[in-house]
Structures are given as C-alpha cells and as structure tokens.
Amino acid sequence: MTVRTLAVVSAGLSQPSSTRLLADQLAAATRDELVGHGEQVELRPIELREYAHDIVNHLLTGFPAEPLRQVLEQVTGADGLIAVTPIFNASYSGLFKSFFDLVDADAIGGRPVLIGATGGTARHSLALEHALRPMFTYLRAVVLPTAVFAAPEDWSGGTAQGALRSRIDRAAGELAGQVHRAAPARGPADPFALTTDFEQLLRGPDA
C-alpha cells in the first residue's frame, strides 16, 4: 500500500507555540480522515525556527545546507502540504515567506495546500486571503477553500474552541479528499538524473 505523506510546516517563533499547536491539530485531523479512506499516512512536521539560519544563508549564497535541502525535498515531495504562520503586521511572518521563497516556482504545482494562521486578534484572519492564498496560488498549488485562523480566544474553551474544532475538521476533510483522489506524489526531481541512457547519448541527437 502506498504511504501518503503530509508535510506540516509551522513558522512559530516561540516555544510552546500556538502556531505549532494549530499545525499539529490540522495534521492529526487530516491523518484521521485519510486513515478513514483506507490510506497509510506519514506526517513530516517541519518547524522553520530550527532552520532560520540555514534559510538566511541559502538566500545569501544560493546553496542550501544539507538539513535545509532535506526539508525542501520533504515539502516538494509530499502528497499534501499544511502551512501555518503567525501573523505579524497583517501578513505572514518573514521566516515563513523566506522559506517559501526558496521553493522552486514549479515544485508544488497542483499540490493540495491547507493554509492556517494564528494571531493576537481575529481581525488578522484576513491575512489568509490577502497574503497566504495569493502566494500559494502564484506557486500554482491547489489552495483548499477552508483556511483556518486561530485567535487567543479560540483556545480558551467553550463555543469559540468548538468553532475552531469545526473549522479544523472541515479543512482536514478537504485536504484528505484531495490527497486521496490524487495520484501519489513522485517526489522531487533529481537535477543530476539522466533522462536518456548512455547508448542514446553516444549515438547523438541525429541517431
């Protein structure tokens, strides 16, 4: 049986992080939905704060350190992506944007993406639509209809937390459905892989 992979990118800066908490809950709900479809699932959690220096160095030099290269391959080779950022100044964090600036423009084309965010006030929820969704649309990903925002009051229990749970479950169902219906991801392309065999190379283009 093919194992479906979900890359779970969170850009929280603190520990513990409400951004990581939201990402984990989205991932767990999506995994449960996929298991219900008869799929095996591997979650690949990625906390960007652990790679912050490597991200900056890659932007400056054009070459990724090995740990960051592996993380980029996990993202581009996954069947689905969950991406969650804190909202600063009405937009995604600089760390979040810098990481996705390193993703090749064609690497996640057609890949289903569930976007989420956390912030100090529910007013920041609009950043999901005016910042995150356009960015992933530019990368030609399939951004799911339901985006999930969590404000501080959403973690306090009661009606607000129940509403957050409902949004998480709805978004997870959308992502699981997209992943289940799609062919398994082929993984990142090897830039050094030969596209022809040696015999064809020796014969030349006119053979």
N, C-alpha and C. Protein backbone atom coordinates (compact mmCIF):
# COMPACT_ATOMS: atom_id res chain seq x y z
N MET A 1 0.84 -1.20 0.00
CA MET A 1 0.00 0.00 0.00
C MET A 1 0.88 1.25 0.00
N THR A 2 0.53 2.23 -0.83
CA THR A 2 1.28 3.47 -0.89
C THR A 2 1.06 4.28 0.38
N VAL A 3 2.16 4.80 0.92
CA VAL A 3 2.07 5.66 2.09
C VAL A 3 1.94 7.10 1.63
N ARG A 4 0.88 7.78 2.05
CA ARG A 4 0.68 9.18 1.73
C ARG A 4 1.47 10.04 2.71
N THR A 5 2.14 11.05 2.21
CA THR A 5 2.96 11.91 3.06
C THR A 5 2.36 13.31 3.14
N LEU A 6 2.38 13.87 4.33
CA LEU A 6 1.91 15.24 4.56
C LEU A 6 3.05 16.04 5.18
N ALA A 7 3.51 17.07 4.49
CA ALA A 7 4.48 17.99 5.06
C ALA A 7 3.72 19.04 5.87
N VAL A 8 4.14 19.25 7.12
CA VAL A 8 3.43 20.14 8.03
C VAL A 8 4.39 21.24 8.46
N VAL A 9 4.30 22.39 7.79
CA VAL A 9 5.23 23.49 8.01
C VAL A 9 4.62 24.49 8.98
N SER A 10 5.33 24.78 10.07
CA SER A 10 4.86 25.79 11.02
C SER A 10 5.99 26.80 11.24
N ALA A 11 5.61 28.07 11.31
CA ALA A 11 6.61 29.15 11.39
C ALA A 11 6.55 29.89 12.72
N GLY A 12 6.08 29.23 13.76
CA GLY A 12 6.06 29.86 15.07
C GLY A 12 7.46 30.13 15.58
N LEU A 13 7.63 31.20 16.35
CA LEU A 13 8.95 31.57 16.85
C LEU A 13 9.16 31.22 18.31
N SER A 14 8.09 31.01 19.04
CA SER A 14 8.22 30.75 20.47
C SER A 14 8.01 29.27 20.76
N GLN A 15 8.37 28.88 21.97
CA GLN A 15 8.10 27.52 22.45
C GLN A 15 7.54 27.62 23.87
N PRO A 16 6.34 27.08 24.12
CA PRO A 16 5.45 26.45 23.14
C PRO A 16 4.86 27.48 22.18
N SER A 17 4.37 26.99 21.07
CA SER A 17 3.89 27.85 20.01
C SER A 17 2.45 27.50 19.65
N SER A 18 1.57 28.50 19.66
CA SER A 18 0.19 28.24 19.22
C SER A 18 0.15 27.92 17.73
N THR A 19 1.12 28.43 16.98
CA THR A 19 1.20 28.12 15.55
C THR A 19 1.49 26.64 15.35
N ARG A 20 2.44 26.10 16.12
CA ARG A 20 2.74 24.68 16.03
C ARG A 20 1.54 23.85 16.52
N LEU A 21 0.87 24.33 17.55
CA LEU A 21 -0.30 23.61 18.06
C LEU A 21 -1.38 23.51 16.99
N LEU A 22 -1.65 24.60 16.29
CA LEU A 22 -2.65 24.57 15.22
C LEU A 22 -2.21 23.64 14.10
N ALA A 23 -0.94 23.71 13.72
CA ALA A 23 -0.43 22.84 12.67
C ALA A 23 -0.58 21.36 13.05
N ASP A 24 -0.27 21.04 14.31
CA ASP A 24 -0.39 19.65 14.76
C ASP A 24 -1.84 19.18 14.74
N GLN A 25 -2.77 20.05 15.13
CA GLN A 25 -4.17 19.65 15.14
C GLN A 25 -4.71 19.46 13.72
N LEU A 26 -4.29 20.32 12.81
CA LEU A 26 -4.68 20.16 11.41
C LEU A 26 -4.11 18.86 10.84
N ALA A 27 -2.86 18.57 11.18
CA ALA A 27 -2.22 17.36 10.68
C ALA A 27 -2.90 16.10 11.22
N ALA A 28 -3.19 16.10 12.52
CA ALA A 28 -3.82 14.93 13.13
C ALA A 28 -5.21 14.69 12.55
N ALA A 29 -5.97 15.77 12.34
CA ALA A 29 -7.31 15.61 11.78
C ALA A 29 -7.26 15.11 10.34
N THR A 30 -6.29 15.60 9.57
CA THR A 30 -6.15 15.15 8.19
C THR A 30 -5.72 13.69 8.14
N ARG A 31 -4.79 13.32 9.01
CA ARG A 31 -4.37 11.92 9.08
C ARG A 31 -5.54 11.01 9.40
N ASP A 32 -6.37 11.40 10.35
CA ASP A 32 -7.52 10.57 10.72
C ASP A 32 -8.48 10.43 9.55
N GLU A 33 -8.68 11.51 8.80
CA GLU A 33 -9.56 11.45 7.63
C GLU A 33 -8.99 10.51 6.57
N LEU A 34 -7.69 10.58 6.33
CA LEU A 34 -7.08 9.72 5.33
C LEU A 34 -7.10 8.25 5.76
N VAL A 35 -6.87 8.00 7.03
CA VAL A 35 -6.98 6.63 7.54
C VAL A 35 -8.39 6.10 7.31
N GLY A 36 -9.38 6.98 7.48
CA GLY A 36 -10.76 6.59 7.22
C GLY A 36 -11.00 6.23 5.76
N HIS A 37 -10.17 6.78 4.86
CA HIS A 37 -10.24 6.44 3.44
C HIS A 37 -9.43 5.19 3.11
N GLY A 38 -8.83 4.57 4.14
CA GLY A 38 -8.03 3.37 3.91
C GLY A 38 -6.58 3.64 3.54
N GLU A 39 -6.09 4.87 3.78
CA GLU A 39 -4.73 5.23 3.43
C GLU A 39 -3.80 5.08 4.63
N GLN A 40 -2.54 4.77 4.34
CA GLN A 40 -1.49 4.89 5.34
C GLN A 40 -0.88 6.28 5.22
N VAL A 41 -0.53 6.88 6.35
CA VAL A 41 -0.12 8.29 6.35
C VAL A 41 1.17 8.46 7.13
N GLU A 42 2.08 9.25 6.56
CA GLU A 42 3.29 9.67 7.26
C GLU A 42 3.28 11.18 7.38
N LEU A 43 3.32 11.68 8.62
CA LEU A 43 3.38 13.12 8.86
C LEU A 43 4.85 13.56 8.94
N ARG A 44 5.14 14.69 8.30
CA ARG A 44 6.50 15.23 8.32
C ARG A 44 6.46 16.64 8.89
N PRO A 45 6.50 16.77 10.23
CA PRO A 45 6.45 18.11 10.84
C PRO A 45 7.76 18.86 10.62
N ILE A 46 7.64 20.13 10.26
CA ILE A 46 8.81 20.98 9.99
C ILE A 46 8.62 22.30 10.73
N GLU A 47 9.43 22.56 11.75
CA GLU A 47 9.41 23.83 12.46
C GLU A 47 10.49 24.72 11.87
N LEU A 48 10.08 25.80 11.22
CA LEU A 48 11.03 26.62 10.49
C LEU A 48 12.04 27.31 11.39
N ARG A 49 11.68 27.56 12.64
CA ARG A 49 12.62 28.22 13.56
C ARG A 49 13.91 27.43 13.69
N GLU A 50 13.86 26.13 13.51
CA GLU A 50 15.05 25.29 13.62
C GLU A 50 15.98 25.47 12.42
N TYR A 51 15.47 26.05 11.35
CA TYR A 51 16.27 26.20 10.12
C TYR A 51 16.45 27.68 9.74
N ALA A 52 16.20 28.58 10.69
CA ALA A 52 16.20 30.01 10.37
C ALA A 52 17.55 30.46 9.81
N HIS A 53 18.65 30.06 10.44
CA HIS A 53 19.97 30.48 9.96
C HIS A 53 20.26 29.89 8.58
N ASP A 54 19.90 28.63 8.38
CA ASP A 54 20.13 27.99 7.08
C ASP A 54 19.31 28.67 5.98
N ILE A 55 18.10 29.12 6.33
CA ILE A 55 17.26 29.80 5.33
C ILE A 55 17.91 31.11 4.89
N VAL A 56 18.39 31.89 5.86
CA VAL A 56 19.05 33.15 5.52
C VAL A 56 20.32 32.90 4.71
N ASN A 57 21.10 31.91 5.12
CA ASN A 57 22.33 31.60 4.39
C ASN A 57 22.03 31.18 2.96
N HIS A 58 20.97 30.41 2.77
CA HIS A 58 20.60 29.99 1.42
C HIS A 58 20.20 31.19 0.56
N LEU A 59 19.45 32.12 1.15
CA LEU A 59 19.06 33.32 0.41
C LEU A 59 20.29 34.13 -0.01
N LEU A 60 21.32 34.15 0.84
CA LEU A 60 22.52 34.94 0.56
C LEU A 60 23.46 34.24 -0.42
N THR A 61 23.57 32.92 -0.31
CA THR A 61 24.57 32.19 -1.10
C THR A 61 23.99 31.45 -2.29
N GLY A 62 22.70 31.12 -2.22
CA GLY A 62 22.09 30.34 -3.29
C GLY A 62 22.28 28.84 -3.13
N PHE A 63 22.88 28.42 -2.01
CA PHE A 63 23.12 27.00 -1.78
C PHE A 63 22.55 26.60 -0.42
N PRO A 64 21.73 25.54 -0.36
CA PRO A 64 21.16 25.13 0.92
C PRO A 64 22.10 24.22 1.70
N ALA A 65 22.14 24.39 3.01
CA ALA A 65 22.81 23.42 3.86
C ALA A 65 22.04 22.10 3.77
N GLU A 66 22.71 21.01 4.08
CA GLU A 66 22.10 19.70 3.90
C GLU A 66 20.79 19.53 4.67
N PRO A 67 20.70 19.94 5.94
CA PRO A 67 19.40 19.80 6.64
C PRO A 67 18.28 20.56 5.94
N LEU A 68 18.56 21.76 5.45
CA LEU A 68 17.54 22.55 4.77
C LEU A 68 17.19 21.92 3.42
N ARG A 69 18.18 21.39 2.73
CA ARG A 69 17.89 20.72 1.45
C ARG A 69 16.92 19.56 1.67
N GLN A 70 17.13 18.80 2.74
CA GLN A 70 16.24 17.68 3.02
C GLN A 70 14.83 18.15 3.33
N VAL A 71 14.73 19.26 4.07
CA VAL A 71 13.41 19.81 4.39
C VAL A 71 12.69 20.28 3.12
N LEU A 72 13.40 20.95 2.24
CA LEU A 72 12.79 21.41 0.99
C LEU A 72 12.31 20.22 0.16
N GLU A 73 13.05 19.14 0.17
CA GLU A 73 12.64 17.93 -0.55
C GLU A 73 11.41 17.29 0.09
N GLN A 74 11.33 17.36 1.42
CA GLN A 74 10.15 16.83 2.10
C GLN A 74 8.91 17.60 1.68
N VAL A 75 9.04 18.91 1.54
CA VAL A 75 7.90 19.75 1.16
C VAL A 75 7.52 19.49 -0.30
N THR A 76 8.50 19.51 -1.19
CA THR A 76 8.19 19.38 -2.62
C THR A 76 7.83 17.95 -3.00
N GLY A 77 8.19 16.98 -2.16
CA GLY A 77 7.88 15.59 -2.47
C GLY A 77 6.67 15.03 -1.76
N ALA A 78 5.97 15.87 -0.98
CA ALA A 78 4.83 15.38 -0.20
C ALA A 78 3.56 15.32 -1.04
N ASP A 79 2.63 14.48 -0.62
CA ASP A 79 1.33 14.39 -1.29
C ASP A 79 0.45 15.59 -0.96
N GLY A 80 0.64 16.17 0.20
CA GLY A 80 -0.14 17.32 0.61
C GLY A 80 0.67 18.18 1.55
N LEU A 81 0.31 19.44 1.66
CA LEU A 81 1.05 20.38 2.48
C LEU A 81 0.09 21.13 3.40
N ILE A 82 0.50 21.22 4.67
CA ILE A 82 -0.17 22.07 5.65
C ILE A 82 0.82 23.16 6.02
N ALA A 83 0.43 24.41 5.85
CA ALA A 83 1.35 25.53 6.08
C ALA A 83 0.69 26.53 7.02
N VAL A 84 1.33 26.77 8.17
CA VAL A 84 0.74 27.63 9.21
C VAL A 84 1.78 28.66 9.65
N THR A 85 1.35 29.91 9.70
CA THR A 85 2.25 31.00 10.09
C THR A 85 1.59 31.89 11.15
N PRO A 86 2.40 32.49 12.01
CA PRO A 86 1.85 33.59 12.82
C PRO A 86 1.68 34.82 11.93
N ILE A 87 0.76 35.67 12.29
CA ILE A 87 0.53 36.90 11.53
C ILE A 87 1.19 38.07 12.27
N PHE A 88 2.10 38.74 11.55
CA PHE A 88 2.75 39.93 12.07
C PHE A 88 2.46 41.09 11.12
N ASN A 89 2.03 42.22 11.65
CA ASN A 89 1.76 43.39 10.81
C ASN A 89 0.86 43.05 9.63
N ALA A 90 -0.18 42.28 9.91
CA ALA A 90 -1.23 41.97 8.94
C ALA A 90 -0.76 41.09 7.78
N SER A 91 0.33 40.32 7.98
CA SER A 91 0.77 39.42 6.92
C SER A 91 1.53 38.25 7.54
N TYR A 92 1.96 37.32 6.68
CA TYR A 92 2.74 36.18 7.15
C TYR A 92 4.08 36.65 7.72
N SER A 93 4.71 35.79 8.51
CA SER A 93 5.99 36.16 9.10
C SER A 93 7.08 36.17 8.04
N GLY A 94 8.15 36.91 8.32
CA GLY A 94 9.28 36.95 7.40
C GLY A 94 9.92 35.58 7.23
N LEU A 95 9.99 34.81 8.32
CA LEU A 95 10.58 33.47 8.24
C LEU A 95 9.77 32.57 7.31
N PHE A 96 8.46 32.63 7.42
CA PHE A 96 7.57 31.83 6.58
C PHE A 96 7.77 32.20 5.10
N LYS A 97 7.74 33.50 4.80
CA LYS A 97 7.91 33.94 3.42
C LYS A 97 9.29 33.60 2.88
N SER A 98 10.32 33.76 3.70
CA SER A 98 11.68 33.46 3.25
C SER A 98 11.82 31.99 2.89
N PHE A 99 11.20 31.12 3.68
CA PHE A 99 11.29 29.69 3.37
C PHE A 99 10.62 29.39 2.03
N PHE A 100 9.43 29.89 1.82
CA PHE A 100 8.74 29.57 0.57
C PHE A 100 9.34 30.32 -0.63
N ASP A 101 10.14 31.37 -0.37
CA ASP A 101 10.91 31.97 -1.46
C ASP A 101 11.95 31.00 -2.01
N LEU A 102 12.32 30.00 -1.22
CA LEU A 102 13.32 29.03 -1.64
C LEU A 102 12.71 27.84 -2.39
N VAL A 103 11.38 27.75 -2.40
CA VAL A 103 10.71 26.66 -3.10
C VAL A 103 10.58 27.03 -4.58
N ASP A 104 11.07 26.15 -5.44
CA ASP A 104 11.02 26.41 -6.88
C ASP A 104 9.58 26.68 -7.32
N ALA A 105 9.44 27.58 -8.28
CA ALA A 105 8.12 28.03 -8.70
C ALA A 105 7.25 26.90 -9.23
N ASP A 106 7.83 25.81 -9.71
CA ASP A 106 7.05 24.71 -10.26
C ASP A 106 7.00 23.50 -9.33
N ALA A 107 7.66 23.58 -8.18
CA ALA A 107 7.87 22.39 -7.37
C ALA A 107 6.61 21.86 -6.70
N ILE A 108 5.64 22.74 -6.39
CA ILE A 108 4.42 22.26 -5.72
C ILE A 108 3.19 22.56 -6.58
N GLY A 109 3.39 22.72 -7.87
CA GLY A 109 2.27 22.95 -8.76
C GLY A 109 1.28 21.79 -8.71
N GLY A 110 0.01 22.10 -8.54
CA GLY A 110 -1.02 21.06 -8.47
C GLY A 110 -1.12 20.36 -7.14
N ARG A 111 -0.27 20.69 -6.17
CA ARG A 111 -0.28 20.04 -4.87
C ARG A 111 -1.31 20.68 -3.96
N PRO A 112 -2.13 19.88 -3.25
CA PRO A 112 -3.12 20.48 -2.34
C PRO A 112 -2.45 21.07 -1.11
N VAL A 113 -2.86 22.29 -0.75
CA VAL A 113 -2.28 23.01 0.39
C VAL A 113 -3.39 23.51 1.29
N LEU A 114 -3.27 23.21 2.57
CA LEU A 114 -4.17 23.72 3.60
C LEU A 114 -3.43 24.84 4.31
N ILE A 115 -3.98 26.05 4.29
CA ILE A 115 -3.31 27.18 4.91
C ILE A 115 -3.97 27.51 6.25
N GLY A 116 -3.13 27.91 7.20
CA GLY A 116 -3.63 28.29 8.51
C GLY A 116 -2.76 29.39 9.09
N ALA A 117 -3.27 30.05 10.12
CA ALA A 117 -2.53 31.15 10.74
C ALA A 117 -3.02 31.36 12.16
N THR A 118 -2.15 31.99 12.95
CA THR A 118 -2.51 32.39 14.30
C THR A 118 -2.18 33.87 14.46
N GLY A 119 -2.88 34.53 15.37
CA GLY A 119 -2.62 35.95 15.59
C GLY A 119 -3.27 36.43 16.87
N GLY A 120 -2.90 37.65 17.26
CA GLY A 120 -3.38 38.20 18.52
C GLY A 120 -4.81 38.69 18.49
N THR A 121 -5.38 38.84 17.30
CA THR A 121 -6.76 39.27 17.18
C THR A 121 -7.39 38.64 15.95
N ALA A 122 -8.68 38.39 16.02
CA ALA A 122 -9.38 37.75 14.89
C ALA A 122 -9.35 38.62 13.64
N ARG A 123 -9.08 39.93 13.79
CA ARG A 123 -9.01 40.81 12.61
C ARG A 123 -7.90 40.39 11.67
N HIS A 124 -6.88 39.73 12.21
CA HIS A 124 -5.75 39.30 11.36
C HIS A 124 -6.12 38.13 10.45
N SER A 125 -7.30 37.56 10.64
CA SER A 125 -7.68 36.40 9.83
C SER A 125 -7.73 36.74 8.34
N LEU A 126 -7.94 38.01 8.00
CA LEU A 126 -7.99 38.41 6.59
C LEU A 126 -6.67 38.18 5.89
N ALA A 127 -5.57 38.08 6.64
CA ALA A 127 -4.26 37.85 6.02
C ALA A 127 -4.22 36.51 5.29
N LEU A 128 -5.04 35.56 5.70
CA LEU A 128 -5.09 34.28 5.00
C LEU A 128 -5.51 34.48 3.55
N GLU A 129 -6.42 35.41 3.32
CA GLU A 129 -6.95 35.61 1.97
C GLU A 129 -6.14 36.62 1.15
N HIS A 130 -5.58 37.64 1.81
CA HIS A 130 -4.86 38.64 1.00
C HIS A 130 -3.36 38.41 0.95
N ALA A 131 -2.83 37.45 1.73
CA ALA A 131 -1.39 37.20 1.71
C ALA A 131 -1.08 35.73 1.40
N LEU A 132 -1.56 34.80 2.23
CA LEU A 132 -1.18 33.41 2.04
C LEU A 132 -1.78 32.80 0.78
N ARG A 133 -3.07 32.98 0.58
CA ARG A 133 -3.70 32.34 -0.58
C ARG A 133 -3.07 32.82 -1.90
N PRO A 134 -2.85 34.13 -2.09
CA PRO A 134 -2.21 34.55 -3.34
C PRO A 134 -0.80 34.00 -3.51
N MET A 135 -0.04 33.87 -2.42
CA MET A 135 1.32 33.34 -2.54
C MET A 135 1.31 31.91 -3.06
N PHE A 136 0.45 31.07 -2.49
CA PHE A 136 0.41 29.68 -2.92
C PHE A 136 -0.25 29.53 -4.29
N THR A 137 -1.16 30.43 -4.61
CA THR A 137 -1.73 30.43 -5.95
C THR A 137 -0.65 30.75 -6.98
N TYR A 138 0.24 31.70 -6.65
CA TYR A 138 1.36 32.02 -7.53
C TYR A 138 2.24 30.79 -7.76
N LEU A 139 2.40 29.96 -6.71
CA LEU A 139 3.19 28.74 -6.83
C LEU A 139 2.41 27.61 -7.50
N ARG A 140 1.18 27.93 -7.95
CA ARG A 140 0.31 27.01 -8.70
C ARG A 140 -0.12 25.81 -7.87
N ALA A 141 -0.13 25.97 -6.55
CA ALA A 141 -0.67 24.93 -5.68
C ALA A 141 -2.19 25.01 -5.70
N VAL A 142 -2.83 23.93 -5.25
CA VAL A 142 -4.28 23.90 -5.12
C VAL A 142 -4.62 24.28 -3.67
N VAL A 143 -4.96 25.54 -3.45
CA VAL A 143 -5.23 26.01 -2.10
C VAL A 143 -6.68 25.67 -1.73
N LEU A 144 -6.85 24.97 -0.64
CA LEU A 144 -8.17 24.48 -0.27
C LEU A 144 -9.10 25.63 0.13
N PRO A 145 -10.40 25.44 -0.08
CA PRO A 145 -11.35 26.52 0.21
C PRO A 145 -11.34 26.99 1.66
N THR A 146 -11.21 26.04 2.59
CA THR A 146 -11.28 26.40 4.01
C THR A 146 -9.89 26.70 4.55
N ALA A 147 -9.68 27.94 4.97
CA ALA A 147 -8.45 28.34 5.66
C ALA A 147 -8.79 28.47 7.15
N VAL A 148 -7.82 28.17 8.01
CA VAL A 148 -8.10 28.11 9.45
C VAL A 148 -7.26 29.14 10.19
N PHE A 149 -7.94 30.04 10.88
CA PHE A 149 -7.27 31.04 11.71
C PHE A 149 -7.63 30.79 13.17
N ALA A 150 -6.64 30.93 14.06
CA ALA A 150 -6.89 30.77 15.49
C ALA A 150 -6.40 32.00 16.24
N ALA A 151 -7.32 32.67 16.91
CA ALA A 151 -7.00 33.80 17.79
C ALA A 151 -6.89 33.27 19.23
N PRO A 152 -6.36 34.06 20.16
CA PRO A 152 -6.21 33.58 21.53
C PRO A 152 -7.49 33.03 22.14
N GLU A 153 -8.63 33.67 21.86
CA GLU A 153 -9.88 33.21 22.46
C GLU A 153 -10.32 31.84 21.93
N ASP A 154 -9.78 31.42 20.78
CA ASP A 154 -10.16 30.12 20.23
C ASP A 154 -9.59 28.96 21.02
N TRP A 155 -8.60 29.22 21.88
CA TRP A 155 -8.00 28.16 22.68
C TRP A 155 -8.57 28.12 24.10
N SER A 156 -9.52 29.01 24.40
CA SER A 156 -9.95 29.18 25.79
C SER A 156 -11.10 28.28 26.20
N GLY A 157 -11.54 27.42 25.28
CA GLY A 157 -12.64 26.53 25.60
C GLY A 157 -13.98 27.13 25.21
N GLY A 158 -15.03 26.37 25.43
CA GLY A 158 -16.37 26.87 25.17
C GLY A 158 -16.70 26.92 23.68
N THR A 159 -17.58 27.85 23.34
CA THR A 159 -18.10 27.95 21.97
C THR A 159 -17.00 28.26 20.96
N ALA A 160 -16.07 29.16 21.33
CA ALA A 160 -15.01 29.56 20.40
C ALA A 160 -14.12 28.37 20.03
N GLN A 161 -13.73 27.58 21.03
CA GLN A 161 -12.88 26.42 20.73
C GLN A 161 -13.65 25.38 19.93
N GLY A 162 -14.95 25.25 20.20
CA GLY A 162 -15.75 24.32 19.40
C GLY A 162 -15.84 24.76 17.95
N ALA A 163 -15.93 26.07 17.71
CA ALA A 163 -15.97 26.59 16.35
C ALA A 163 -14.63 26.35 15.65
N LEU A 164 -13.52 26.52 16.38
CA LEU A 164 -12.20 26.24 15.81
C LEU A 164 -12.10 24.77 15.43
N ARG A 165 -12.58 23.91 16.31
CA ARG A 165 -12.53 22.46 16.02
C ARG A 165 -13.31 22.13 14.76
N SER A 166 -14.44 22.80 14.59
CA SER A 166 -15.26 22.58 13.41
C SER A 166 -14.52 23.01 12.14
N ARG A 167 -13.82 24.15 12.21
CA ARG A 167 -13.06 24.62 11.05
C ARG A 167 -11.91 23.67 10.74
N ILE A 168 -11.24 23.19 11.77
CA ILE A 168 -10.14 22.24 11.58
C ILE A 168 -10.64 20.98 10.89
N ASP A 169 -11.75 20.44 11.37
CA ASP A 169 -12.29 19.20 10.79
C ASP A 169 -12.72 19.40 9.35
N ARG A 170 -13.34 20.55 9.05
CA ARG A 170 -13.77 20.81 7.68
C ARG A 170 -12.57 20.93 6.74
N ALA A 171 -11.56 21.68 7.16
CA ALA A 171 -10.36 21.84 6.33
C ALA A 171 -9.63 20.52 6.16
N ALA A 172 -9.54 19.73 7.22
CA ALA A 172 -8.87 18.44 7.14
C ALA A 172 -9.59 17.51 6.18
N GLY A 173 -10.92 17.54 6.19
CA GLY A 173 -11.68 16.72 5.26
C GLY A 173 -11.42 17.11 3.82
N GLU A 174 -11.28 18.42 3.56
CA GLU A 174 -10.99 18.88 2.20
C GLU A 174 -9.61 18.43 1.75
N LEU A 175 -8.61 18.56 2.62
CA LEU A 175 -7.26 18.14 2.25
C LEU A 175 -7.19 16.64 2.05
N ALA A 176 -7.78 15.88 2.96
CA ALA A 176 -7.75 14.43 2.84
C ALA A 176 -8.43 13.97 1.55
N GLY A 177 -9.54 14.61 1.19
CA GLY A 177 -10.22 14.24 -0.04
C GLY A 177 -9.37 14.49 -1.26
N GLN A 178 -8.67 15.63 -1.30
CA GLN A 178 -7.80 15.95 -2.43
C GLN A 178 -6.64 14.96 -2.52
N VAL A 179 -6.02 14.66 -1.39
CA VAL A 179 -4.88 13.73 -1.39
C VAL A 179 -5.34 12.34 -1.79
N HIS A 180 -6.47 11.90 -1.28
CA HIS A 180 -6.96 10.56 -1.57
C HIS A 180 -7.27 10.37 -3.05
N ARG A 181 -7.81 11.41 -3.68
CA ARG A 181 -8.20 11.29 -5.09
C ARG A 181 -7.02 11.43 -6.05
N ALA A 182 -5.93 12.04 -5.58
CA ALA A 182 -4.80 12.32 -6.47
C ALA A 182 -3.86 11.11 -6.55
N ALA A 183 -3.11 11.05 -7.63
CA ALA A 183 -2.07 10.04 -7.75
C ALA A 183 -0.97 10.36 -6.74
N PRO A 184 -0.27 9.33 -6.22
CA PRO A 184 0.81 9.60 -5.27
C PRO A 184 1.86 10.53 -5.85
N ALA A 185 2.40 11.41 -5.00
CA ALA A 185 3.44 12.33 -5.46
C ALA A 185 4.67 11.54 -5.87
N ARG A 186 5.34 12.03 -6.89
CA ARG A 186 6.52 11.35 -7.41
C ARG A 186 7.79 11.77 -6.70
N GLY A 187 7.69 12.76 -5.84
CA GLY A 187 8.87 13.22 -5.13
C GLY A 187 9.60 14.27 -5.94
N PRO A 188 10.58 14.93 -5.32
CA PRO A 188 11.33 15.98 -6.02
C PRO A 188 12.18 15.39 -7.13
N ALA A 189 12.30 16.14 -8.22
CA ALA A 189 13.12 15.68 -9.32
C ALA A 189 14.60 15.77 -8.96
N ASP A 190 15.37 14.80 -9.41
CA ASP A 190 16.82 14.79 -9.21
C ASP A 190 17.46 15.60 -10.33
N PRO A 191 18.08 16.76 -10.02
CA PRO A 191 18.63 17.59 -11.09
C PRO A 191 19.80 16.94 -11.81
N PHE A 192 20.39 15.87 -11.21
CA PHE A 192 21.53 15.21 -11.83
C PHE A 192 21.14 13.88 -12.49
N ALA A 193 19.84 13.57 -12.47
CA ALA A 193 19.40 12.30 -13.06
C ALA A 193 19.49 12.37 -14.58
N LEU A 194 19.89 11.25 -15.20
CA LEU A 194 19.96 11.17 -16.65
C LEU A 194 18.57 10.93 -17.21
N THR A 195 18.22 11.68 -18.23
CA THR A 195 16.93 11.49 -18.88
C THR A 195 17.03 10.56 -20.08
N THR A 196 18.25 10.24 -20.49
CA THR A 196 18.49 9.26 -21.56
C THR A 196 19.60 8.33 -21.11
N ASP A 197 19.66 7.13 -21.72
CA ASP A 197 20.73 6.21 -21.33
C ASP A 197 22.00 6.53 -22.11
N PHE A 198 23.12 5.89 -21.71
CA PHE A 198 24.41 6.19 -22.32
C PHE A 198 24.46 5.81 -23.80
N GLU A 199 23.76 4.75 -24.17
CA GLU A 199 23.76 4.34 -25.58
C GLU A 199 23.15 5.43 -26.46
N GLN A 200 22.05 6.03 -25.97
CA GLN A 200 21.44 7.12 -26.74
C GLN A 200 22.34 8.34 -26.80
N LEU A 201 23.05 8.62 -25.69
CA LEU A 201 23.97 9.75 -25.67
C LEU A 201 25.10 9.56 -26.67
N LEU A 202 25.63 8.33 -26.79
CA LEU A 202 26.73 8.06 -27.71
C LEU A 202 26.27 8.12 -29.16
N ARG A 203 25.02 7.75 -29.43
CA ARG A 203 24.52 7.80 -30.80
C ARG A 203 24.34 9.22 -31.29
N GLY A 204 24.10 10.16 -30.34
CA GLY A 204 23.93 11.54 -30.73
C GLY A 204 22.50 11.87 -31.07
N PRO A 205 22.20 13.14 -31.26
CA PRO A 205 20.81 13.58 -31.47
C PRO A 205 20.23 13.14 -32.80
N ASP A 206 21.09 12.85 -33.81
CA ASP A 206 20.58 12.50 -35.13
C ASP A 206 20.45 11.00 -35.33
N ALA A 207 20.81 10.21 -34.32
CA ALA A 207 20.78 8.75 -34.49
C ALA A 207 19.33 8.24 -34.49
